[in-house]
Each structure stands twice: as structure tokens, then as C-alpha cells.
Amino acid sequence: MSRCTYAGAGAGRARPPSGDRWYGPGMSDAHRSSGHERDVDPAPAVGPGPDADPGPVTADDVRHAVRLAVAALRGAEGGDWEAKAGSLEWSCWETVEHLADDLFAYAAQLGPEKPPSDTEVPFVWSRRNPGGPANVVFADRAAGAAGLVQVLEACGALLAAMVRTTPPTVRSHHVFGSSDPEGFAAMGVVETLVHLHDVAEGLGLAWEPDAALCGRALARLFPDAPDDTDRWPTLLWATGRGDLPGYARRTAWRWHGAPRSEGER
């Protein structure tokens, strides 16, 4: 869910009018585990060829994506967090805060015994700054960048836990259509990977997630994306953030969160 509806920011939480998502060029305003993983999980094995199913997006994929993001951001705690995040109008701080809020909101949609079928769980969203993201979750500025990163890590853990423990038959509302736990997991992975790209541009960080993780997210949410191209550049292209040889650059985009088995895509 990314609470937005636009063509240039996040990815899919229906927000108030100046929210984000129907997505335009960027995104401004979405295996079982032993519990003993290292701080950054090792990259999964290289993904299958273009004709193979890359497999489902799992709770462990959410954990892996968020841990990679946390590791990258902890290396930049002394950076300029008020710098613009890539092509977004938000600062790097606001973008990470928005990402944490997306992960929290996706987890919340899976939380009720009877998840909402036509709306989001009614938290109150607010903006700290004009033009900034409308969030439920904000980090305490007094805690500094380290505190902000911890908020992101905690929200990622909430989503991973909800995906892991929610039956796959559960459906919950998303602005782009009802989705299942795997769909919300994939949304969280995409939000994390592409918003870290935005923040990495603002902070001057290197950021290139592994192809297998990108491939699973693409297969789940962007079934119309080419499957014979490099996975990370293709995910950037699919979310309006990059060029892909042989394909027109996207100026508006959306994902398809409907469950794989329900033929809604």
C-alpha cells in the first residue's frame, strides 16, 4: 500500500489530495527465518532465467531488503539529510520517514481479524512540513539519523512479522485493488529498494540491490515489465526512475497487487 495515488512518488496508498501515488517519474509520497540472521543477510543466489518463475516474495525478502537499507543508511549518518532525495521533492530524512510509514501501513492493513475491503485502517495522517509526506509514523528529530534508521528497521520488522503470520487467503484493501500478504510484502520490498535509490542519490551512497530480489518483486507487481533485461535497471524503469534500452521511459506508472491466483492482473 503506499498511501498515495499519483504519478510520481511512492506507490500505492490512497492519501489525501496532495499525497503521492499514481506514480509518475519518481515516487514522492508503499522462506522462514531462524531469527538468528546476521545484520545484513547474504544476497540470495542468482535468479532464474527469463522463462522461469522467480518464486514468491516472502517475509524474509522484506527483512533482507530492509536490512540492506539499514546497513547503507548507517554508513551515512553524518550526511546532509536535508538534501533532496533524488528526483523527489522531499528531503532524504522525509523520504526515509515516508518509507517507514509505508511499511507500517502495509503491516496495519493485514492486522485486523477482518481486514478492510474498501478502505485503509483509519489512522490519522498528518504533514510536518508543507509539501512533505502525510504520515502516521514520524521519527524523533532529537534521536538523529540513527534514530530515524531505527524507526525504519522497526517498521520493516512489523511488516515482515505480519506477512509471516497472516494466512495467504487473507485479502485487504489497497488503492490499486485488494491484495494478499505476498502482495503487501512485494510492495514493501519495492518501496524499500526504490526509495533507497532516491535517498542514495541525495546522500551520495552506492546502492544496487541483488537481481534475484528485484526479480521476485517485478514478477509479483509488474507483470507487464520485460523479463529479459537486467532486474535492477528494470525495476527503476518500471517505477519511472530510469531508462531501459528499447523501451520508452515511463512518465506514469502503477503496480498490480492482485493475488497471482485471482486473474485480476
C-alpha atoms as a PDB file:
ATOM      1  CA  MET A   1       0.000   0.000   0.000  1.00  0.00           C
ATOM      2  CA  SER A   2       1.784   3.157  -0.201  1.00  0.00           C
ATOM      3  CA  ARG A   3      -0.654   5.668   0.763  1.00  0.00           C
ATOM      4  CA  CYS A   4      -0.678   7.681  -2.342  1.00  0.00           C
ATOM      5  CA  THR A   5      -2.317   7.985  -5.645  1.00  0.00           C
ATOM      6  CA  TYR A   6      -0.229   9.773  -8.120  1.00  0.00           C
ATOM      7  CA  ALA A   7       2.185   9.712 -10.879  1.00  0.00           C
ATOM      8  CA  GLY A   8       5.478  10.452  -9.386  1.00  0.00           C
ATOM      9  CA  ALA A   9       6.097   9.382  -5.871  1.00  0.00           C
ATOM     10  CA  GLY A  10       5.508   6.308  -3.897  1.00  0.00           C
ATOM     11  CA  ALA A  11       3.409   3.507  -4.969  1.00  0.00           C
ATOM     12  CA  GLY A  12       0.005   2.974  -3.656  1.00  0.00           C
ATOM     13  CA  ARG A  13      -1.580   4.254  -0.509  1.00  0.00           C
ATOM     14  CA  ALA A  14      -4.630   6.353  -1.194  1.00  0.00           C
ATOM     15  CA  ARG A  15      -3.748   9.574   0.524  1.00  0.00           C
ATOM     16  CA  PRO A  16      -5.360  12.935   0.898  1.00  0.00           C
ATOM     17  CA  PRO A  17      -5.193  15.191  -2.162  1.00  0.00           C
ATOM     18  CA  SER A  18      -1.587  16.183  -2.141  1.00  0.00           C
ATOM     19  CA  GLY A  19      -0.442  12.670  -1.460  1.00  0.00           C
ATOM     20  CA  ASP A  20       1.516  10.776  -3.918  1.00  0.00           C
ATOM     21  CA  ARG A  21       0.941   7.827  -5.915  1.00  0.00           C
ATOM     22  CA  TRP A  22      -0.274   7.203  -9.199  1.00  0.00           C
ATOM     23  CA  TYR A  23       3.206   7.450  -9.741  1.00  0.00           C
ATOM     24  CA  GLY A  24       4.889   9.477 -12.105  1.00  0.00           C
ATOM     25  CA  PRO A  25       8.563   9.558 -12.763  1.00  0.00           C
ATOM     26  CA  GLY A  26       9.830   9.156  -9.243  1.00  0.00           C
ATOM     27  CA  MET A  27       7.990   8.418  -6.038  1.00  0.00           C
ATOM     28  CA  SER A  28       7.407  11.051  -3.539  1.00  0.00           C
ATOM     29  CA  ASP A  29       4.582  10.387  -1.233  1.00  0.00           C
ATOM     30  CA  ALA A  30       4.487   1.989  -0.268  1.00  0.00           C
ATOM     31  CA  HIS A  31      11.361 -18.842   3.479  1.00  0.00           C
ATOM     32  CA  ARG A  32      11.034 -18.959   7.023  1.00  0.00           C
ATOM     33  CA  SER A  33      13.571 -17.352   9.235  1.00  0.00           C
ATOM     34  CA  SER A  34      15.516 -18.768  12.132  1.00  0.00           C
ATOM     35  CA  GLY A  35      15.636 -15.429  13.906  1.00  0.00           C
ATOM     36  CA  HIS A  36      19.428 -15.563  14.022  1.00  0.00           C
ATOM     37  CA  GLU A  37      20.315 -13.769  10.799  1.00  0.00           C
ATOM     38  CA  ARG A  38      23.338 -11.519  10.595  1.00  0.00           C
ATOM     39  CA  ASP A  39      22.876  -7.724  10.471  1.00  0.00           C
ATOM     40  CA  VAL A  40      22.813  -7.897   6.682  1.00  0.00           C
ATOM     41  CA  ASP A  41      21.551 -11.080   5.102  1.00  0.00           C
ATOM     42  CA  PRO A  42      23.722 -12.581   2.372  1.00  0.00           C
ATOM     43  CA  ALA A  43      22.438 -11.915  -1.124  1.00  0.00           C
ATOM     44  CA  PRO A  44      20.244 -14.694  -2.478  1.00  0.00           C
ATOM     45  CA  ALA A  45      21.565 -16.843  -5.265  1.00  0.00           C
ATOM     46  CA  VAL A  46      21.404 -15.501  -8.792  1.00  0.00           C
ATOM     47  CA  GLY A  47      17.828 -15.662 -10.037  1.00  0.00           C
ATOM     48  CA  PRO A  48      16.461 -17.974 -12.712  1.00  0.00           C
ATOM     49  CA  GLY A  49      16.446 -17.263 -16.417  1.00  0.00           C
ATOM     50  CA  PRO A  50      13.779 -15.124 -18.075  1.00  0.00           C
ATOM     51  CA  ASP A  51      11.369 -18.020 -18.686  1.00  0.00           C
ATOM     52  CA  ALA A  52      11.473 -19.331 -15.114  1.00  0.00           C
ATOM     53  CA  ASP A  53       9.234 -18.279 -12.232  1.00  0.00           C
ATOM     54  CA  PRO A  54      11.455 -16.352  -9.782  1.00  0.00           C
ATOM     55  CA  GLY A  55       9.283 -17.534  -6.897  1.00  0.00           C
ATOM     56  CA  PRO A  56       7.097 -15.684  -4.389  1.00  0.00           C
ATOM     57  CA  VAL A  57       8.010 -12.610  -2.387  1.00  0.00           C
ATOM     58  CA  THR A  58       8.299 -13.617   1.268  1.00  0.00           C
ATOM     59  CA  ALA A  59       8.645 -12.159   4.741  1.00  0.00           C
ATOM     60  CA  ASP A  60      12.363 -12.926   4.509  1.00  0.00           C
ATOM     61  CA  ASP A  61      12.561 -10.776   1.379  1.00  0.00           C
ATOM     62  CA  VAL A  62      11.130  -7.870   3.360  1.00  0.00           C
ATOM     63  CA  ARG A  63      13.669  -8.444   6.120  1.00  0.00           C
ATOM     64  CA  HIS A  64      16.502  -8.710   3.606  1.00  0.00           C
ATOM     65  CA  ALA A  65      15.554  -5.520   1.757  1.00  0.00           C
ATOM     66  CA  VAL A  66      15.164  -3.515   4.951  1.00  0.00           C
ATOM     67  CA  ARG A  67      18.414  -4.822   6.432  1.00  0.00           C
ATOM     68  CA  LEU A  68      20.295  -3.847   3.289  1.00  0.00           C
ATOM     69  CA  ALA A  69      18.730  -0.392   3.505  1.00  0.00           C
ATOM     70  CA  VAL A  70      19.570  -0.022   7.182  1.00  0.00           C
ATOM     71  CA  ALA A  71      23.188  -1.041   6.579  1.00  0.00           C
ATOM     72  CA  ALA A  72      23.527   1.513   3.779  1.00  0.00           C
ATOM     73  CA  LEU A  73      21.965   4.319   5.799  1.00  0.00           C
ATOM     74  CA  ARG A  74      24.043   3.654   8.890  1.00  0.00           C
ATOM     75  CA  GLY A  75      27.068   4.441   6.772  1.00  0.00           C
ATOM     76  CA  ALA A  76      25.690   7.921   6.078  1.00  0.00           C
ATOM     77  CA  GLU A  77      24.536   9.128   9.467  1.00  0.00           C
ATOM     78  CA  GLY A  78      26.797  12.164   9.159  1.00  0.00           C
ATOM     79  CA  GLY A  79      25.418  13.132   5.743  1.00  0.00           C
ATOM     80  CA  ASP A  80      23.149  16.002   4.741  1.00  0.00           C
ATOM     81  CA  TRP A  81      19.739  14.543   5.477  1.00  0.00           C
ATOM     82  CA  GLU A  82      18.005  17.734   4.354  1.00  0.00           C
ATOM     83  CA  ALA A  83      19.303  17.250   0.788  1.00  0.00           C
ATOM     84  CA  LYS A  84      16.651  16.375  -1.791  1.00  0.00           C
ATOM     85  CA  ALA A  85      16.186  12.648  -2.314  1.00  0.00           C
ATOM     86  CA  GLY A  86      16.939  12.075  -5.986  1.00  0.00           C
ATOM     87  CA  SER A  87      14.130  13.314  -8.227  1.00  0.00           C
ATOM     88  CA  LEU A  88      11.699  13.705  -5.319  1.00  0.00           C
ATOM     89  CA  GLU A  89      10.664  16.975  -3.725  1.00  0.00           C
ATOM     90  CA  TRP A  90      11.229  15.530  -0.284  1.00  0.00           C
ATOM     91  CA  SER A  91      14.402  15.588   1.760  1.00  0.00           C
ATOM     92  CA  CYS A  92      16.317  12.398   2.455  1.00  0.00           C
ATOM     93  CA  TRP A  93      15.001  12.487   6.031  1.00  0.00           C
ATOM     94  CA  GLU A  94      11.381  12.841   4.871  1.00  0.00           C
ATOM     95  CA  THR A  95      11.801  10.070   2.326  1.00  0.00           C
ATOM     96  CA  VAL A  96      13.101   7.559   4.859  1.00  0.00           C
ATOM     97  CA  GLU A  97      10.328   8.604   7.231  1.00  0.00           C
ATOM     98  CA  HIS A  98       7.798   8.051   4.447  1.00  0.00           C
ATOM     99  CA  LEU A  99       9.294   4.637   3.689  1.00  0.00           C
ATOM    100  CA  ALA A 100       9.000   3.609   7.336  1.00  0.00           C
ATOM    101  CA  ASP A 101       5.409   4.825   7.312  1.00  0.00           C
ATOM    102  CA  ASP A 102       4.644   2.778   4.181  1.00  0.00           C
ATOM    103  CA  LEU A 103       5.971  -0.401   5.789  1.00  0.00           C
ATOM    104  CA  PHE A 104       3.962   0.290   8.938  1.00  0.00           C
ATOM    105  CA  ALA A 105       0.794   0.936   6.917  1.00  0.00           C
ATOM    106  CA  TYR A 106       1.135  -2.267   4.905  1.00  0.00           C
ATOM    107  CA  ALA A 107       1.505  -4.202   8.147  1.00  0.00           C
ATOM    108  CA  ALA A 108      -1.538  -2.457   9.571  1.00  0.00           C
ATOM    109  CA  GLN A 109      -3.714  -3.489   6.620  1.00  0.00           C
ATOM    110  CA  LEU A 110      -3.049  -7.122   7.496  1.00  0.00           C
ATOM    111  CA  GLY A 111      -3.629  -6.670  11.221  1.00  0.00           C
ATOM    112  CA  PRO A 112      -7.402  -6.695  11.837  1.00  0.00           C
ATOM    113  CA  GLU A 113      -9.216 -10.008  12.226  1.00  0.00           C
ATOM    114  CA  LYS A 114     -11.403  -8.800   9.363  1.00  0.00           C
ATOM    115  CA  PRO A 115      -9.147  -6.597   7.227  1.00  0.00           C
ATOM    116  CA  PRO A 116     -10.903  -3.701   5.480  1.00  0.00           C
ATOM    117  CA  SER A 117     -12.094  -4.470   1.963  1.00  0.00           C
ATOM    118  CA  ASP A 118     -12.699  -0.936   0.726  1.00  0.00           C
ATOM    119  CA  THR A 119     -10.572   1.452   2.743  1.00  0.00           C
ATOM    120  CA  GLU A 120      -7.450   1.746   4.831  1.00  0.00           C
ATOM    121  CA  VAL A 121      -7.255   1.272   8.576  1.00  0.00           C
ATOM    122  CA  PRO A 122      -8.296   4.763   9.770  1.00  0.00           C
ATOM    123  CA  PHE A 123      -5.140   6.162  11.296  1.00  0.00           C
ATOM    124  CA  VAL A 124      -4.771   9.940  11.197  1.00  0.00           C
ATOM    125  CA  TRP A 125      -2.186  11.142   8.679  1.00  0.00           C
ATOM    126  CA  SER A 126      -0.523  14.499   9.096  1.00  0.00           C
ATOM    127  CA  ARG A 127       2.207  16.568   7.477  1.00  0.00           C
ATOM    128  CA  ARG A 128       5.093  18.069   9.410  1.00  0.00           C
ATOM    129  CA  ASN A 129       6.011  20.391   6.530  1.00  0.00           C
ATOM    130  CA  PRO A 130       4.071  21.899   3.609  1.00  0.00           C
ATOM    131  CA  GLY A 131       4.571  19.575   0.650  1.00  0.00           C
ATOM    132  CA  GLY A 132       6.025  16.863   2.849  1.00  0.00           C
ATOM    133  CA  PRO A 133       4.659  13.321   3.067  1.00  0.00           C
ATOM    134  CA  ALA A 134       1.462  12.664   5.009  1.00  0.00           C
ATOM    135  CA  ASN A 135       2.451  10.063   7.608  1.00  0.00           C
ATOM    136  CA  VAL A 136       1.274   8.300  10.704  1.00  0.00           C
ATOM    137  CA  VAL A 137       4.874   7.497  11.645  1.00  0.00           C
ATOM    138  CA  PHE A 138       7.468  10.200  12.348  1.00  0.00           C
ATOM    139  CA  ALA A 139      10.929   9.841  13.857  1.00  0.00           C
ATOM    140  CA  ASP A 140      12.018  11.964  16.802  1.00  0.00           C
ATOM    141  CA  ARG A 141      14.446  14.511  15.343  1.00  0.00           C
ATOM    142  CA  ALA A 142      16.259  14.612  18.667  1.00  0.00           C
ATOM    143  CA  ALA A 143      17.320  10.995  18.104  1.00  0.00           C
ATOM    144  CA  GLY A 144      19.204  11.996  14.955  1.00  0.00           C
ATOM    145  CA  ALA A 145      19.768   9.897  11.856  1.00  0.00           C
ATOM    146  CA  ALA A 146      20.490   6.826  13.980  1.00  0.00           C
ATOM    147  CA  GLY A 147      17.002   7.090  15.473  1.00  0.00           C
ATOM    148  CA  LEU A 148      15.427   7.545  12.044  1.00  0.00           C
ATOM    149  CA  VAL A 149      17.124   4.399  10.785  1.00  0.00           C
ATOM    150  CA  GLN A 150      15.928   2.504  13.842  1.00  0.00           C
ATOM    151  CA  VAL A 151      12.342   3.595  13.094  1.00  0.00           C
ATOM    152  CA  LEU A 152      12.735   2.234   9.560  1.00  0.00           C
ATOM    153  CA  GLU A 153      14.118  -1.041  10.881  1.00  0.00           C
ATOM    154  CA  ALA A 154      11.256  -1.415  13.370  1.00  0.00           C
ATOM    155  CA  CYS A 155       8.562  -0.759  10.759  1.00  0.00           C
ATOM    156  CA  GLY A 156      10.174  -3.250   8.402  1.00  0.00           C
ATOM    157  CA  ALA A 157      10.126  -5.856  11.154  1.00  0.00           C
ATOM    158  CA  LEU A 158       6.404  -5.217  11.724  1.00  0.00           C
ATOM    159  CA  LEU A 159       5.616  -5.849   8.066  1.00  0.00           C
ATOM    160  CA  ALA A 160       7.771  -8.976   7.926  1.00  0.00           C
ATOM    161  CA  ALA A 161       6.046 -10.341  11.030  1.00  0.00           C
ATOM    162  CA  MET A 162       2.568  -9.692   9.644  1.00  0.00           C
ATOM    163  CA  VAL A 163       3.403 -11.260   6.281  1.00  0.00           C
ATOM    164  CA  ARG A 164       4.855 -14.314   8.006  1.00  0.00           C
ATOM    165  CA  THR A 165       1.879 -14.879  10.312  1.00  0.00           C
ATOM    166  CA  THR A 166      -1.085 -13.896   8.105  1.00  0.00           C
ATOM    167  CA  PRO A 167      -2.777 -16.738   6.171  1.00  0.00           C
ATOM    168  CA  PRO A 168      -2.262 -16.444   2.408  1.00  0.00           C
ATOM    169  CA  THR A 169      -6.033 -16.470   1.901  1.00  0.00           C
ATOM    170  CA  VAL A 170      -6.422 -13.097   3.666  1.00  0.00           C
ATOM    171  CA  ARG A 171      -7.267 -10.105   1.460  1.00  0.00           C
ATOM    172  CA  SER A 172      -7.067  -6.445   2.408  1.00  0.00           C
ATOM    173  CA  HIS A 173      -7.723  -3.161   0.678  1.00  0.00           C
ATOM    174  CA  HIS A 174      -5.169  -1.369  -1.427  1.00  0.00           C
ATOM    175  CA  VAL A 175      -5.830   1.614  -3.661  1.00  0.00           C
ATOM    176  CA  PHE A 176      -4.855  -0.495  -6.697  1.00  0.00           C
ATOM    177  CA  GLY A 177      -7.103  -3.376  -5.672  1.00  0.00           C
ATOM    178  CA  SER A 178      -7.395  -5.955  -2.921  1.00  0.00           C
ATOM    179  CA  SER A 179      -4.121  -7.757  -2.161  1.00  0.00           C
ATOM    180  CA  ASP A 180      -2.777 -10.686  -0.162  1.00  0.00           C
ATOM    181  CA  PRO A 181       0.168 -10.962   2.270  1.00  0.00           C
ATOM    182  CA  GLU A 182       2.609 -11.713  -0.554  1.00  0.00           C
ATOM    183  CA  GLY A 183       1.388  -8.626  -2.407  1.00  0.00           C
ATOM    184  CA  PHE A 184       1.966  -6.399   0.615  1.00  0.00           C
ATOM    185  CA  ALA A 185       5.393  -7.973   1.081  1.00  0.00           C
ATOM    186  CA  ALA A 186       6.256  -7.157  -2.534  1.00  0.00           C
ATOM    187  CA  MET A 187       5.015  -3.602  -2.089  1.00  0.00           C
ATOM    188  CA  GLY A 188       7.256  -3.204   0.940  1.00  0.00           C
ATOM    189  CA  VAL A 189      10.248  -4.563  -0.968  1.00  0.00           C
ATOM    190  CA  VAL A 190       9.683  -2.240  -3.934  1.00  0.00           C
ATOM    191  CA  GLU A 191       9.172   0.783  -1.685  1.00  0.00           C
ATOM    192  CA  THR A 192      12.394  -0.027   0.143  1.00  0.00           C
ATOM    193  CA  LEU A 193      14.528  -0.626  -2.936  1.00  0.00           C
ATOM    194  CA  VAL A 194      13.413   2.375  -4.951  1.00  0.00           C
ATOM    195  CA  HIS A 195      13.204   4.871  -2.111  1.00  0.00           C
ATOM    196  CA  LEU A 196      16.701   3.857  -1.043  1.00  0.00           C
ATOM    197  CA  HIS A 197      17.721   4.655  -4.607  1.00  0.00           C
ATOM    198  CA  ASP A 198      16.238   8.134  -4.131  1.00  0.00           C
ATOM    199  CA  VAL A 199      17.964   8.637  -0.796  1.00  0.00           C
ATOM    200  CA  ALA A 200      21.257   7.210  -2.047  1.00  0.00           C
ATOM    201  CA  GLU A 201      21.296   9.847  -4.792  1.00  0.00           C
ATOM    202  CA  GLY A 202      20.729  12.569  -2.211  1.00  0.00           C
ATOM    203  CA  LEU A 203      23.341  11.291   0.234  1.00  0.00           C
ATOM    204  CA  GLY A 204      25.883  10.153  -2.353  1.00  0.00           C
ATOM    205  CA  LEU A 205      25.690   6.466  -1.450  1.00  0.00           C
ATOM    206  CA  ALA A 206      26.221   3.385  -3.593  1.00  0.00           C
ATOM    207  CA  TRP A 207      23.020   1.336  -3.834  1.00  0.00           C
ATOM    208  CA  GLU A 208      22.329  -1.633  -6.085  1.00  0.00           C
ATOM    209  CA  PRO A 209      20.241  -4.466  -4.620  1.00  0.00           C
ATOM    210  CA  ASP A 210      20.666  -8.007  -5.856  1.00  0.00           C
ATOM    211  CA  ALA A 211      18.963  -9.152  -9.032  1.00  0.00           C
ATOM    212  CA  ALA A 212      17.034 -12.073  -7.522  1.00  0.00           C
ATOM    213  CA  LEU A 213      15.234  -9.852  -5.020  1.00  0.00           C
ATOM    214  CA  CYS A 214      14.369  -7.336  -7.742  1.00  0.00           C
ATOM    215  CA  GLY A 215      13.200 -10.164  -9.996  1.00  0.00           C
ATOM    216  CA  ARG A 216      10.719 -11.533  -7.469  1.00  0.00           C
ATOM    217  CA  ALA A 217       9.275  -8.071  -6.842  1.00  0.00           C
ATOM    218  CA  LEU A 218       8.973  -7.365 -10.561  1.00  0.00           C
ATOM    219  CA  ALA A 219       7.235 -10.678 -11.257  1.00  0.00           C
ATOM    220  CA  ARG A 220       4.707 -10.060  -8.470  1.00  0.00           C
ATOM    221  CA  LEU A 221       3.847  -6.400  -9.047  1.00  0.00           C
ATOM    222  CA  PHE A 222       4.875  -5.566 -12.624  1.00  0.00           C
ATOM    223  CA  PRO A 223       3.788  -8.499 -14.807  1.00  0.00           C
ATOM    224  CA  ASP A 224       3.995  -6.258 -17.870  1.00  0.00           C
ATOM    225  CA  ALA A 225       7.703  -5.498 -17.373  1.00  0.00           C
ATOM    226  CA  PRO A 226      10.209  -7.122 -19.742  1.00  0.00           C
ATOM    227  CA  ASP A 227      11.723 -10.307 -18.304  1.00  0.00           C
ATOM    228  CA  ASP A 228      14.860 -10.485 -20.431  1.00  0.00           C
ATOM    229  CA  THR A 229      16.573  -7.362 -19.081  1.00  0.00           C
ATOM    230  CA  ASP A 230      18.742  -6.750 -16.018  1.00  0.00           C
ATOM    231  CA  ARG A 231      16.473  -6.783 -12.995  1.00  0.00           C
ATOM    232  CA  TRP A 232      17.556  -3.682 -11.056  1.00  0.00           C
ATOM    233  CA  PRO A 233      17.518  -1.296 -14.056  1.00  0.00           C
ATOM    234  CA  THR A 234      14.158  -2.795 -14.996  1.00  0.00           C
ATOM    235  CA  LEU A 235      12.704  -2.080 -11.560  1.00  0.00           C
ATOM    236  CA  LEU A 236      13.938   1.510 -11.788  1.00  0.00           C
ATOM    237  CA  TRP A 237      12.356   1.763 -15.245  1.00  0.00           C
ATOM    238  CA  ALA A 238       9.083   0.236 -14.022  1.00  0.00           C
ATOM    239  CA  THR A 239       8.832   2.883 -11.285  1.00  0.00           C
ATOM    240  CA  GLY A 240       9.651   5.813 -13.530  1.00  0.00           C
ATOM    241  CA  ARG A 241      13.212   6.272 -12.305  1.00  0.00           C
ATOM    242  CA  GLY A 242      15.383   5.188 -15.194  1.00  0.00           C
ATOM    243  CA  ASP A 243      15.777   4.368 -18.858  1.00  0.00           C
ATOM    244  CA  LEU A 244      15.738   0.885 -20.317  1.00  0.00           C
ATOM    245  CA  PRO A 245      17.154   0.328 -23.808  1.00  0.00           C
ATOM    246  CA  GLY A 246      14.399  -0.419 -26.293  1.00  0.00           C
ATOM    247  CA  TYR A 247      11.594   0.850 -24.054  1.00  0.00           C
ATOM    248  CA  ALA A 248      10.071   4.314 -23.655  1.00  0.00           C
ATOM    249  CA  ARG A 249      10.711   5.946 -20.313  1.00  0.00           C
ATOM    250  CA  ARG A 250       7.672   5.783 -18.068  1.00  0.00           C
ATOM    251  CA  THR A 251       6.110   9.100 -17.099  1.00  0.00           C
ATOM    252  CA  ALA A 252       3.282   7.466 -15.134  1.00  0.00           C
ATOM    253  CA  TRP A 253       3.100   4.038 -13.580  1.00  0.00           C
ATOM    254  CA  ARG A 254       1.332   1.767 -11.156  1.00  0.00           C
ATOM    255  CA  TRP A 255       1.770  -1.719  -9.830  1.00  0.00           C
ATOM    256  CA  HIS A 256      -0.636  -4.664  -9.844  1.00  0.00           C
ATOM    257  CA  GLY A 257      -1.174  -6.002  -6.352  1.00  0.00           C
ATOM    258  CA  ALA A 258      -3.952  -8.510  -7.041  1.00  0.00           C
ATOM    259  CA  PRO A 259      -3.101 -12.063  -5.894  1.00  0.00           C
ATOM    260  CA  ARG A 260      -1.427 -14.241  -8.529  1.00  0.00           C
ATOM    261  CA  SER A 261      -4.225 -16.805  -8.417  1.00  0.00           C
ATOM    262  CA  GLU A 262      -7.151 -14.480  -8.956  1.00  0.00           C
ATOM    263  CA  GLY A 263      -6.641 -13.395 -12.534  1.00  0.00           C
ATOM    264  CA  GLU A 264      -7.105  -9.712 -11.726  1.00  0.00           C
ATOM    265  CA  ARG A 265      -3.855  -8.702 -13.407  1.00  0.00           C
END
